[in-house]
PDB file of N, CA and C in Angstrom:
ATOM      1  N   MET A   1       7.861  14.271  25.973  1.00  0.00           N
ATOM      2  CA  MET A   1       7.287  12.950  26.016  1.00  0.00           C
ATOM      3  C   MET A   1       7.131  12.474  27.461  1.00  0.00           C
ATOM      4  N   ALA A   2       8.163  12.686  28.288  1.00  0.00           N
ATOM      5  CA  ALA A   2       8.081  12.259  29.687  1.00  0.00           C
ATOM      6  C   ALA A   2       6.969  13.002  30.417  1.00  0.00           C
ATOM      7  N   ASP A   3       6.839  14.288  30.130  1.00  0.00           N
ATOM      8  CA  ASP A   3       5.811  15.097  30.784  1.00  0.00           C
ATOM      9  C   ASP A   3       4.415  14.564  30.458  1.00  0.00           C
ATOM     10  N   CYS A   4       4.187  14.197  29.227  1.00  0.00           N
ATOM     11  CA  CYS A   4       2.890  13.635  28.826  1.00  0.00           C
ATOM     12  C   CYS A   4       2.613  12.308  29.511  1.00  0.00           C
ATOM     13  N   ALA A   5       3.674  11.564  29.796  1.00  0.00           N
ATOM     14  CA  ALA A   5       3.534  10.268  30.451  1.00  0.00           C
ATOM     15  C   ALA A   5       3.489  10.397  31.969  1.00  0.00           C
ATOM     16  N   GLY A   6       3.715  11.619  32.488  1.00  0.00           N
ATOM     17  CA  GLY A   6       3.687  11.828  33.929  1.00  0.00           C
ATOM     18  C   GLY A   6       4.906  11.301  34.649  1.00  0.00           C
ATOM     19  N   THR A   7       6.025  11.245  33.960  1.00  0.00           N
ATOM     20  CA  THR A   7       7.253  10.728  34.551  1.00  0.00           C
ATOM     21  C   THR A   7       8.344  11.797  34.511  1.00  0.00           C
ATOM     22  N   ASP A   8       9.406  11.561  35.248  1.00  0.00           N
ATOM     23  CA  ASP A   8      10.526  12.497  35.269  1.00  0.00           C
ATOM     24  C   ASP A   8      11.347  12.384  33.997  1.00  0.00           C
ATOM     25  N   SER A   9      12.061  13.468  33.680  1.00  0.00           N
ATOM     26  CA  SER A   9      12.973  13.450  32.538  1.00  0.00           C
ATOM     27  C   SER A   9      14.321  14.000  32.984  1.00  0.00           C
ATOM     28  N   VAL A  10      15.373  13.550  32.317  1.00  0.00           N
ATOM     29  CA  VAL A  10      16.734  13.970  32.641  1.00  0.00           C
ATOM     30  C   VAL A  10      17.395  14.472  31.373  1.00  0.00           C
ATOM     31  N   LEU A  11      17.997  15.655  31.454  1.00  0.00           N
ATOM     32  CA  LEU A  11      18.801  16.190  30.359  1.00  0.00           C
ATOM     33  C   LEU A  11      20.248  16.154  30.823  1.00  0.00           C
ATOM     34  N   VAL A  12      21.091  15.456  30.080  1.00  0.00           N
ATOM     35  CA  VAL A  12      22.522  15.413  30.374  1.00  0.00           C
ATOM     36  C   VAL A  12      23.228  16.281  29.337  1.00  0.00           C
ATOM     37  N   LEU A  13      23.921  17.301  29.823  1.00  0.00           N
ATOM     38  CA  LEU A  13      24.611  18.245  28.940  1.00  0.00           C
ATOM     39  C   LEU A  13      25.962  17.654  28.539  1.00  0.00           C
ATOM     40  N   THR A  14      25.955  16.904  27.446  1.00  0.00           N
ATOM     41  CA  THR A  14      27.176  16.213  27.012  1.00  0.00           C
ATOM     42  C   THR A  14      27.721  16.748  25.696  1.00  0.00           C
ATOM     43  N   GLY A  15      27.312  17.935  25.312  1.00  0.00           N
ATOM     44  CA  GLY A  15      27.860  18.524  24.107  1.00  0.00           C
ATOM     45  C   GLY A  15      26.846  18.919  23.056  1.00  0.00           C
ATOM     46  N   GLU A  16      25.759  18.213  22.945  1.00  0.00           N
ATOM     47  CA  GLU A  16      24.757  18.505  21.920  1.00  0.00           C
ATOM     48  C   GLU A  16      23.841  19.668  22.347  1.00  0.00           C
ATOM     49  N   THR A  17      23.475  19.692  23.605  1.00  0.00           N
ATOM     50  CA  THR A  17      22.572  20.719  24.131  1.00  0.00           C
ATOM     51  C   THR A  17      23.295  21.539  25.192  1.00  0.00           C
ATOM     52  N   SER A  18      23.081  22.844  25.157  1.00  0.00           N
ATOM     53  CA  SER A  18      23.700  23.731  26.153  1.00  0.00           C
ATOM     54  C   SER A  18      22.629  24.292  27.076  1.00  0.00           C
ATOM     55  N   ARG A  19      23.052  24.931  28.141  1.00  0.00           N
ATOM     56  CA  ARG A  19      22.094  25.579  29.046  1.00  0.00           C
ATOM     57  C   ARG A  19      21.354  26.710  28.325  1.00  0.00           C
ATOM     58  N   GLU A  20      22.012  27.340  27.376  1.00  0.00           N
ATOM     59  CA  GLU A  20      21.365  28.386  26.589  1.00  0.00           C
ATOM     60  C   GLU A  20      20.237  27.798  25.733  1.00  0.00           C
ATOM     61  N   ASP A  21      20.493  26.621  25.142  1.00  0.00           N
ATOM     62  CA  ASP A  21      19.447  25.932  24.368  1.00  0.00           C
ATOM     63  C   ASP A  21      18.258  25.610  25.268  1.00  0.00           C
ATOM     64  N   LEU A  22      18.538  25.151  26.457  1.00  0.00           N
ATOM     65  CA  LEU A  22      17.486  24.795  27.401  1.00  0.00           C
ATOM     66  C   LEU A  22      16.654  26.020  27.770  1.00  0.00           C
ATOM     67  N   ALA A  23      17.309  27.146  27.987  1.00  0.00           N
ATOM     68  CA  ALA A  23      16.596  28.372  28.349  1.00  0.00           C
ATOM     69  C   ALA A  23      15.620  28.793  27.253  1.00  0.00           C
ATOM     70  N   GLU A  24      15.946  28.518  26.005  1.00  0.00           N
ATOM     71  CA  GLU A  24      15.105  28.890  24.877  1.00  0.00           C
ATOM     72  C   GLU A  24      14.037  27.852  24.533  1.00  0.00           C
ATOM     73  N   SER A  25      14.141  26.676  25.114  1.00  0.00           N
ATOM     74  CA  SER A  25      13.241  25.578  24.782  1.00  0.00           C
ATOM     75  C   SER A  25      11.954  25.623  25.599  1.00  0.00           C
ATOM     76  N   ALA A  26      10.870  25.219  24.983  1.00  0.00           N
ATOM     77  CA  ALA A  26       9.592  25.093  25.690  1.00  0.00           C
ATOM     78  C   ALA A  26       9.559  23.822  26.528  1.00  0.00           C
ATOM     79  N   VAL A  27      10.403  22.861  26.192  1.00  0.00           N
ATOM     80  CA  VAL A  27      10.478  21.591  26.907  1.00  0.00           C
ATOM     81  C   VAL A  27      11.467  21.743  28.052  1.00  0.00           C
ATOM     82  N   LYS A  28      11.026  21.478  29.283  1.00  0.00           N
ATOM     83  CA  LYS A  28      11.876  21.600  30.463  1.00  0.00           C
ATOM     84  C   LYS A  28      11.976  20.250  31.167  1.00  0.00           C
ATOM     85  N   PRO A  29      13.184  19.717  31.285  1.00  0.00           N
ATOM     86  CA  PRO A  29      13.357  18.443  31.976  1.00  0.00           C
ATOM     87  C   PRO A  29      13.216  18.609  33.486  1.00  0.00           C
ATOM     88  N   THR A  30      12.996  17.508  34.174  1.00  0.00           N
ATOM     89  CA  THR A  30      12.900  17.520  35.627  1.00  0.00           C
ATOM     90  C   THR A  30      14.267  17.794  36.244  1.00  0.00           C
ATOM     91  N   ILE A  31      15.291  17.161  35.692  1.00  0.00           N
ATOM     92  CA  ILE A  31      16.652  17.275  36.214  1.00  0.00           C
ATOM     93  C   ILE A  31      17.595  17.595  35.059  1.00  0.00           C
ATOM     94  N   VAL A  32      18.535  18.505  35.295  1.00  0.00           N
ATOM     95  CA  VAL A  32      19.577  18.822  34.317  1.00  0.00           C
ATOM     96  C   VAL A  32      20.921  18.485  34.965  1.00  0.00           C
ATOM     97  N   LEU A  33      21.695  17.643  34.280  1.00  0.00           N
ATOM     98  CA  LEU A  33      22.992  17.213  34.797  1.00  0.00           C
ATOM     99  C   LEU A  33      24.093  17.578  33.817  1.00  0.00           C
ATOM    100  N   ASP A  34      25.280  17.822  34.334  1.00  0.00           N
ATOM    101  CA  ASP A  34      26.413  18.174  33.485  1.00  0.00           C
ATOM    102  C   ASP A  34      27.096  16.965  32.864  1.00  0.00           C
ATOM    103  N   SER A  35      26.950  15.801  33.480  1.00  0.00           N
ATOM    104  CA  SER A  35      27.671  14.623  33.021  1.00  0.00           C
ATOM    105  C   SER A  35      26.857  13.365  33.283  1.00  0.00           C
ATOM    106  N   VAL A  36      27.101  12.348  32.489  1.00  0.00           N
ATOM    107  CA  VAL A  36      26.475  11.039  32.712  1.00  0.00           C
ATOM    108  C   VAL A  36      26.864  10.514  34.091  1.00  0.00           C
ATOM    109  N   ALA A  37      28.051  10.857  34.553  1.00  0.00           N
ATOM    110  CA  ALA A  37      28.525  10.420  35.872  1.00  0.00           C
ATOM    111  C   ALA A  37      27.660  10.986  37.000  1.00  0.00           C
ATOM    112  N   ASP A  38      26.923  12.058  36.733  1.00  0.00           N
ATOM    113  CA  ASP A  38      26.065  12.683  37.744  1.00  0.00           C
ATOM    114  C   ASP A  38      24.685  12.039  37.859  1.00  0.00           C
ATOM    115  N   ILE A  39      24.365  11.093  37.000  1.00  0.00           N
ATOM    116  CA  ILE A  39      23.029  10.489  37.013  1.00  0.00           C
ATOM    117  C   ILE A  39      22.688   9.854  38.364  1.00  0.00           C
ATOM    118  N   PRO A  40      23.557   9.056  38.980  1.00  0.00           N
ATOM    119  CA  PRO A  40      23.187   8.471  40.287  1.00  0.00           C
ATOM    120  C   PRO A  40      22.851   9.530  41.346  1.00  0.00           C
ATOM    121  N   SER A  41      23.638  10.594  41.437  1.00  0.00           N
ATOM    122  CA  SER A  41      23.357  11.620  42.439  1.00  0.00           C
ATOM    123  C   SER A  41      22.089  12.394  42.081  1.00  0.00           C
ATOM    124  N   GLY A  42      21.824  12.589  40.798  1.00  0.00           N
ATOM    125  CA  GLY A  42      20.601  13.259  40.375  1.00  0.00           C
ATOM    126  C   GLY A  42      19.368  12.453  40.729  1.00  0.00           C
ATOM    127  N   ILE A  43      19.447  11.149  40.573  1.00  0.00           N
ATOM    128  CA  ILE A  43      18.325  10.274  40.917  1.00  0.00           C
ATOM    129  C   ILE A  43      18.084  10.291  42.418  1.00  0.00           C
ATOM    130  N   GLU A  44      19.142  10.228  43.205  1.00  0.00           N
ATOM    131  CA  GLU A  44      19.004  10.266  44.656  1.00  0.00           C
ATOM    132  C   GLU A  44      18.408  11.594  45.116  1.00  0.00           C
ATOM    133  N   PHE A  45      18.838  12.691  44.506  1.00  0.00           N
ATOM    134  CA  PHE A  45      18.283  14.000  44.830  1.00  0.00           C
ATOM    135  C   PHE A  45      16.790  14.020  44.556  1.00  0.00           C
ATOM    136  N   ARG A  46      16.411  13.505  43.411  1.00  0.00           N
ATOM    137  CA  ARG A  46      14.994  13.507  43.015  1.00  0.00           C
ATOM    138  C   ARG A  46      14.160  12.667  43.970  1.00  0.00           C
ATOM    139  N   LYS A  47      14.691  11.512  44.391  1.00  0.00           N
ATOM    140  CA  LYS A  47      13.965  10.671  45.340  1.00  0.00           C
ATOM    141  C   LYS A  47      13.754  11.405  46.662  1.00  0.00           C
ATOM    142  N   LYS A  48      14.790  12.087  47.124  1.00  0.00           N
ATOM    143  CA  LYS A  48      14.742  12.773  48.418  1.00  0.00           C
ATOM    144  C   LYS A  48      13.761  13.942  48.412  1.00  0.00           C
ATOM    145  N   PHE A  49      13.696  14.678  47.295  1.00  0.00           N
ATOM    146  CA  PHE A  49      12.884  15.887  47.244  1.00  0.00           C
ATOM    147  C   PHE A  49      11.695  15.780  46.288  1.00  0.00           C
ATOM    148  N   ARG A  50      11.279  14.578  45.975  1.00  0.00           N
ATOM    149  CA  ARG A  50      10.212  14.340  44.993  1.00  0.00           C
ATOM    150  C   ARG A  50       8.971  15.189  45.254  1.00  0.00           C
ATOM    151  N   TYR A  51       8.472  15.200  46.446  1.00  0.00           N
ATOM    152  CA  TYR A  51       7.209  15.888  46.714  1.00  0.00           C
ATOM    153  C   TYR A  51       7.382  17.396  46.793  1.00  0.00           C
ATOM    154  N   ARG A  52       8.550  17.862  47.158  1.00  0.00           N
ATOM    155  CA  ARG A  52       8.796  19.295  47.226  1.00  0.00           C
ATOM    156  C   ARG A  52       8.717  19.921  45.840  1.00  0.00           C
ATOM    157  N   TYR A  53       9.196  19.216  44.832  1.00  0.00           N
ATOM    158  CA  TYR A  53       9.273  19.766  43.479  1.00  0.00           C
ATOM    159  C   TYR A  53       8.221  19.187  42.533  1.00  0.00           C
ATOM    160  N   LYS A  54       7.267  18.472  43.043  1.00  0.00           N
ATOM    161  CA  LYS A  54       6.312  17.758  42.205  1.00  0.00           C
ATOM    162  C   LYS A  54       5.540  18.668  41.252  1.00  0.00           C
ATOM    163  N   PHE A  55       5.196  19.851  41.661  1.00  0.00           N
ATOM    164  CA  PHE A  55       4.341  20.708  40.851  1.00  0.00           C
ATOM    165  C   PHE A  55       5.096  21.889  40.254  1.00  0.00           C
ATOM    166  N   ARG A  56       6.395  21.774  40.028  1.00  0.00           N
ATOM    167  CA  ARG A  56       7.165  22.917  39.549  1.00  0.00           C
ATOM    168  C   ARG A  56       7.018  23.165  38.069  1.00  0.00           C
ATOM    169  N   ARG A  57       6.458  22.258  37.292  1.00  0.00           N
ATOM    170  CA  ARG A  57       6.361  22.444  35.837  1.00  0.00           C
ATOM    171  C   ARG A  57       5.315  23.434  35.460  1.00  0.00           C
TER     172      ARG A  57
END
């Protein structure tokens, strides 16, 4: 959904989804985090490197 809207997406691995599930999925988030506590640092990373990774999908 985020990809269709042209916005970033975040997957937080909190128990429901694993990295193995992600590897098998056709849907790829912009950022993958291990914990909700990592969201602020993930957002800052994305802001800093936005243009470097803009076309990685």
